[in-house]
C-alpha atoms as a PDB file:
ATOM      1  CA  MET A   1      69.973 107.003  77.797  1.00  0.00           C
ATOM      2  CA  TYR A   2      72.586 105.662  79.214  1.00  0.00           C
ATOM      3  CA  ASP A   3      74.360 108.851  77.618  1.00  0.00           C
ATOM      4  CA  GLU A   4      71.945 110.940  79.366  1.00  0.00           C
ATOM      5  CA  ALA A   5      72.648 108.788  82.708  1.00  0.00           C
ATOM      6  CA  ALA A   6      76.368 109.123  82.646  1.00  0.00           C
ATOM      7  CA  LYS A   7      76.772 112.345  81.214  1.00  0.00           C
ATOM      8  CA  LYS A   8      74.713 112.981  85.166  1.00  0.00           C
ATOM      9  CA  GLY A   9      77.142 110.667  86.349  1.00  0.00           C
ATOM     10  CA  LEU A  10      74.895 108.355  87.553  1.00  0.00           C
ATOM     11  CA  ILE A  11      74.671 104.813  87.087  1.00  0.00           C
ATOM     12  CA  GLU A  12      72.944 101.652  87.116  1.00  0.00           C
ATOM     13  CA  LEU A  13      72.659  98.774  89.429  1.00  0.00           C
ATOM     14  CA  SER A  14      72.343  95.766  87.486  1.00  0.00           C
ATOM     15  CA  GLY A  15      73.136  93.044  91.129  1.00  0.00           C
ATOM     16  CA  GLU A  16      75.039  93.253  94.435  1.00  0.00           C
ATOM     17  CA  ALA A  17      79.091  92.663  93.685  1.00  0.00           C
ATOM     18  CA  ALA A  18      79.527  89.903  95.745  1.00  0.00           C
ATOM     19  CA  TRP A  19      81.121  89.618 100.035  1.00  0.00           C
ATOM     20  CA  ARG A  20      84.280  88.133 100.004  1.00  0.00           C
ATOM     21  CA  PRO A  21      85.797  86.598 102.553  1.00  0.00           C
ATOM     22  CA  GLY A  22      88.257  88.833 104.433  1.00  0.00           C
ATOM     23  CA  VAL A  23      89.039  92.324 106.202  1.00  0.00           C
ATOM     24  CA  CYS A  24      87.663  95.398 106.124  1.00  0.00           C
ATOM     25  CA  PHE A  25      86.993  98.522 107.796  1.00  0.00           C
ATOM     26  CA  ASP A  26      84.373 101.116 107.170  1.00  0.00           C
ATOM     27  CA  PRO A  27      86.569 104.286 108.195  1.00  0.00           C
ATOM     28  CA  LEU A  28      83.144 106.743 108.537  1.00  0.00           C
ATOM     29  CA  GLU A  29      82.049 104.275 111.563  1.00  0.00           C
ATOM     30  CA  ILE A  30      85.257 103.533 112.968  1.00  0.00           C
ATOM     31  CA  THR A  31      84.095  99.630 112.485  1.00  0.00           C
ATOM     32  CA  LEU A  32      86.252  96.831 111.357  1.00  0.00           C
ATOM     33  CA  GLU A  33      84.548  93.625 109.926  1.00  0.00           C
ATOM     34  CA  GLY A  34      85.846  89.690 108.957  1.00  0.00           C
ATOM     35  CA  SER A  35      84.163  87.700 106.541  1.00  0.00           C
ATOM     36  CA  TYR A  36      84.663  83.827 107.068  1.00  0.00           C
ATOM     37  CA  VAL A  37      82.962  81.097 105.742  1.00  0.00           C
ATOM     38  CA  ASP A  38      83.261  78.886 108.479  1.00  0.00           C
ATOM     39  CA  GLU A  39      82.240  79.814 112.693  1.00  0.00           C
ATOM     40  CA  LEU A  40      85.398  78.178 113.702  1.00  0.00           C
ATOM     41  CA  SER A  41      87.288  80.471 111.207  1.00  0.00           C
ATOM     42  CA  ALA A  42      85.240  83.610 113.072  1.00  0.00           C
ATOM     43  CA  TYR A  43      85.017  82.448 116.858  1.00  0.00           C
ATOM     44  CA  ARG A  44      89.244  82.013 116.228  1.00  0.00           C
ATOM     45  CA  ALA A  45      89.936  85.275 114.451  1.00  0.00           C
ATOM     46  CA  ARG A  46      87.995  87.085 118.049  1.00  0.00           C
ATOM     47  CA  ARG A  47      90.528  85.529 120.292  1.00  0.00           C
ATOM     48  CA  VAL A  48      92.974  86.611 117.160  1.00  0.00           C
ATOM     49  CA  TRP A  49      92.007  89.804 117.566  1.00  0.00           C
ATOM     50  CA  ASN A  50      91.704  90.222 121.234  1.00  0.00           C
ATOM     51  CA  SER A  51      94.882  89.528 121.774  1.00  0.00           C
ATOM     52  CA  VAL A  52      95.969  91.495 118.833  1.00  0.00           C
ATOM     53  CA  LEU A  53      94.473  95.649 119.898  1.00  0.00           C
ATOM     54  CA  GLU A  54      94.626  94.685 123.749  1.00  0.00           C
ATOM     55  CA  ASP A  55      98.332  93.540 123.419  1.00  0.00           C
ATOM     56  CA  ASN A  56     100.017  96.218 120.928  1.00  0.00           C
ATOM     57  CA  PHE A  57      96.933  99.167 121.348  1.00  0.00           C
ATOM     58  CA  LEU A  58      96.619  98.409 124.942  1.00  0.00           C
ATOM     59  CA  LEU A  59      92.675  98.263 124.041  1.00  0.00           C
ATOM     60  CA  GLU A  60      90.179  96.643 127.547  1.00  0.00           C
ATOM     61  CA  SER A  61      87.369  95.269 126.084  1.00  0.00           C
ATOM     62  CA  ASP A  62      84.133  96.301 125.417  1.00  0.00           C
ATOM     63  CA  HIS A  63      86.039  99.810 127.132  1.00  0.00           C
ATOM     64  CA  ASP A  64      87.353 101.223 123.867  1.00  0.00           C
ATOM     65  CA  TYR A  65      85.987  98.695 121.282  1.00  0.00           C
ATOM     66  CA  VAL A  66      83.247  96.053 121.480  1.00  0.00           C
ATOM     67  CA  MET A  67      83.266  92.897 119.375  1.00  0.00           C
ATOM     68  CA  LYS A  68      80.188  90.348 118.250  1.00  0.00           C
ATOM     69  CA  VAL A  69      79.826  87.831 115.307  1.00  0.00           C
ATOM     70  CA  SER A  70      77.418  86.675 113.983  1.00  0.00           C
ATOM     71  CA  PRO A  71      75.567  83.976 112.596  1.00  0.00           C
ATOM     72  CA  GLY A  72      76.238  82.872 109.323  1.00  0.00           C
ATOM     73  CA  ASP A  73      74.340  84.884 106.603  1.00  0.00           C
ATOM     74  CA  GLU A  74      72.766  84.394 103.479  1.00  0.00           C
ATOM     75  CA  ALA A  75      75.362  83.687 101.439  1.00  0.00           C
ATOM     76  CA  GLY A  76      76.788  81.377 104.850  1.00  0.00           C
ATOM     77  CA  LEU A  77      79.614  83.794 105.493  1.00  0.00           C
ATOM     78  CA  PHE A  78      79.867  84.314 109.721  1.00  0.00           C
ATOM     79  CA  ARG A  79      81.202  88.352 110.601  1.00  0.00           C
ATOM     80  CA  LEU A  80      82.909  89.644 113.308  1.00  0.00           C
ATOM     81  CA  LYS A  81      82.731  92.887 113.625  1.00  0.00           C
ATOM     82  CA  CYS A  82      84.787  95.285 115.752  1.00  0.00           C
ATOM     83  CA  ASP A  83      83.414  99.242 116.915  1.00  0.00           C
ATOM     84  CA  PHE A  84      85.827 100.630 118.283  1.00  0.00           C
ATOM     85  CA  ARG A  85      84.309 103.620 120.804  1.00  0.00           C
ATOM     86  CA  THR A  86      87.463 105.345 122.448  1.00  0.00           C
ATOM     87  CA  ALA A  87      89.671 108.055 120.989  1.00  0.00           C
ATOM     88  CA  CYS A  88      92.376 105.228 121.901  1.00  0.00           C
ATOM     89  CA  GLY A  89      89.910 102.835 120.178  1.00  0.00           C
ATOM     90  CA  ARG A  90      90.478 105.543 117.464  1.00  0.00           C
ATOM     91  CA  TYR A  91      94.022 106.115 117.523  1.00  0.00           C
ATOM     92  CA  ALA A  92      94.406 102.337 117.355  1.00  0.00           C
ATOM     93  CA  PHE A  93      91.687 101.680 113.825  1.00  0.00           C
ATOM     94  CA  TRP A  94      93.441 105.087 112.937  1.00  0.00           C
ATOM     95  CA  ARG A  95      96.928 103.391 113.050  1.00  0.00           C
ATOM     96  CA  LEU A  96      95.674 100.034 111.484  1.00  0.00           C
ATOM     97  CA  THR A  97      93.298 100.775 108.004  1.00  0.00           C
ATOM     98  CA  HIS A  98      96.727 103.667 107.304  1.00  0.00           C
ATOM     99  CA  ASN A  99      99.137 101.047 107.856  1.00  0.00           C
ATOM    100  CA  GLN A 100     101.236 102.598 111.088  1.00  0.00           C
ATOM    101  CA  ALA A 101     100.963  98.992 111.987  1.00  0.00           C
ATOM    102  CA  PRO A 102     101.926  96.448 109.391  1.00  0.00           C
ATOM    103  CA  GLU A 103     102.829  94.595 112.374  1.00  0.00           C
ATOM    104  CA  ALA A 104      99.652  94.156 114.158  1.00  0.00           C
ATOM    105  CA  GLN A 105      97.226  94.474 110.938  1.00  0.00           C
ATOM    106  CA  TYR A 106      98.753  91.156 109.406  1.00  0.00           C
ATOM    107  CA  LEU A 107      97.997  89.802 112.513  1.00  0.00           C
ATOM    108  CA  ILE A 108      94.459  90.523 112.062  1.00  0.00           C
ATOM    109  CA  GLU A 109      94.067  89.366 108.573  1.00  0.00           C
ATOM    110  CA  THR A 110      95.540  86.522 109.266  1.00  0.00           C
ATOM    111  CA  ALA A 111      93.315  85.588 112.625  1.00  0.00           C
ATOM    112  CA  HIS A 112      91.563  83.289 111.258  1.00  0.00           C
ATOM    113  CA  ILE A 113      94.711  80.800 109.717  1.00  0.00           C
ATOM    114  CA  PRO A 114      95.512  78.167 111.693  1.00  0.00           C
ATOM    115  CA  ASN A 115      99.326  78.014 112.615  1.00  0.00           C
ATOM    116  CA  SER A 116     100.436  75.572 110.768  1.00  0.00           C
ATOM    117  CA  GLU A 117     102.788  74.295 107.715  1.00  0.00           C
ATOM    118  CA  SER A 118     100.126  73.149 106.176  1.00  0.00           C
ATOM    119  CA  ARG A 119      98.290  76.361 105.659  1.00  0.00           C
ATOM    120  CA  HIS A 120     101.846  78.056 104.565  1.00  0.00           C
ATOM    121  CA  GLY A 121      99.573  78.674 101.317  1.00  0.00           C
ATOM    122  CA  ASP A 122      96.257  81.066 102.811  1.00  0.00           C
ATOM    123  CA  PHE A 123      99.093  83.011 104.583  1.00  0.00           C
ATOM    124  CA  LEU A 124     100.372  84.234 101.361  1.00  0.00           C
ATOM    125  CA  GLU A 125      96.711  84.467  99.632  1.00  0.00           C
ATOM    126  CA  ALA A 126      95.310  85.935 103.025  1.00  0.00           C
ATOM    127  CA  PRO A 127      93.694  88.822 101.362  1.00  0.00           C
ATOM    128  CA  ASP A 128      94.755  92.366 102.586  1.00  0.00           C
ATOM    129  CA  LEU A 129      92.695  94.927 104.789  1.00  0.00           C
ATOM    130  CA  ARG A 130      90.811  97.444 102.243  1.00  0.00           C
ATOM    131  CA  SER A 131      88.121  99.943 102.507  1.00  0.00           C
ATOM    132  CA  VAL A 132      84.042  99.134 101.945  1.00  0.00           C
ATOM    133  CA  TYR A 133      84.188 102.244  99.833  1.00  0.00           C
ATOM    134  CA  LEU A 134      86.491 100.956  96.897  1.00  0.00           C
ATOM    135  CA  SER A 135      84.791 100.182  94.224  1.00  0.00           C
ATOM    136  CA  PRO A 136      83.367  96.235  93.818  1.00  0.00           C
ATOM    137  CA  SER A 137      84.222  96.759  90.066  1.00  0.00           C
ATOM    138  CA  ILE A 138      87.988  97.067  90.794  1.00  0.00           C
ATOM    139  CA  LEU A 139      88.009  94.087  93.472  1.00  0.00           C
ATOM    140  CA  ASP A 140      86.076  91.801  90.836  1.00  0.00           C
ATOM    141  CA  PRO A 141      87.383  89.260  89.255  1.00  0.00           C
ATOM    142  CA  LEU A 142      89.234  88.115  91.934  1.00  0.00           C
ATOM    143  CA  PRO A 143      92.706  87.798  91.318  1.00  0.00           C
ATOM    144  CA  PRO A 144      94.123  84.159  89.088  1.00  0.00           C
ATOM    145  CA  ARG A 145      95.507  80.823  92.076  1.00  0.00           C
ATOM    146  CA  ALA A 146      97.348  79.555  88.330  1.00  0.00           C
ATOM    147  CA  LYS A 147     100.939  79.883  89.191  1.00  0.00           C
ATOM    148  CA  GLY A 148     101.073  81.324  84.723  1.00  0.00           C
ATOM    149  CA  ALA A 149     102.991  84.556  84.755  1.00  0.00           C
ATOM    150  CA  GLU A 150     100.339  84.723  81.856  1.00  0.00           C
ATOM    151  CA  SER A 151      97.074  84.030  83.812  1.00  0.00           C
ATOM    152  CA  ARG A 152      98.125  87.170  86.024  1.00  0.00           C
ATOM    153  CA  LEU A 153      99.178  89.742  83.460  1.00  0.00           C
ATOM    154  CA  ARG A 154      95.710  89.803  81.448  1.00  0.00           C
ATOM    155  CA  TRP A 155      94.351  90.105  85.139  1.00  0.00           C
ATOM    156  CA  LEU A 156      95.977  92.772  85.679  1.00  0.00           C
ATOM    157  CA  LYS A 157      95.103  94.071  81.764  1.00  0.00           C
ATOM    158  CA  ALA A 158      91.549  93.690  83.057  1.00  0.00           C
ATOM    159  CA  ILE A 159      91.737  95.778  86.048  1.00  0.00           C
ATOM    160  CA  VAL A 160      93.748  98.381  84.441  1.00  0.00           C
ATOM    161  CA  SER A 161      90.767  98.126  81.602  1.00  0.00           C
ATOM    162  CA  ARG A 162      88.158  98.817  84.250  1.00  0.00           C
ATOM    163  CA  LEU A 163      89.739 102.027  85.458  1.00  0.00           C
ATOM    164  CA  ALA A 164      90.587 103.387  81.838  1.00  0.00           C
ATOM    165  CA  LYS A 165      86.608 102.775  81.531  1.00  0.00           C
ATOM    166  CA  MET A 166      85.473 104.367  85.124  1.00  0.00           C
ATOM    167  CA  LYS A 167      87.925 107.413  84.501  1.00  0.00           C
ATOM    168  CA  GLU A 168      85.533 108.242  80.965  1.00  0.00           C
ATOM    169  CA  LEU A 169      83.139 107.519  82.553  1.00  0.00           C
ATOM    170  CA  LYS A 170      83.708 111.013  85.006  1.00  0.00           C
END
């Protein structure tokens, strides 16, 4: 049955992919969405996102974009969602998601982190802006926090083997 399903391109989902903290974008809905482990981080990110969009792209809140913080879900994550409404807002979204405004993109990715010397490691490990349509099998497992090159090499080999398996299924 598996061979038959593989030939047809059908994939059976055995469980949901874990939603990880960080910033994602949806190119079809033209939205940015941040997931944060606490409410304070979500509201700190909202303040920074507002200033980035207003200062760097000259957008107006509630006209060009609408931002909303949702309460914690079953995974305990707080969500910050930004919907872009106007042509200027959509252009700013395009620039953010196509690496045309790297400074603004970095500020949005690290908006939830307090600016202090003790949080330097958090700035370095902040996840990059990613599409919601990336395959969860590619994103998992999470990159190792170990400093050893051997653990990173194993992690990279696991990703390469998963990509090879995905290519075989196609």
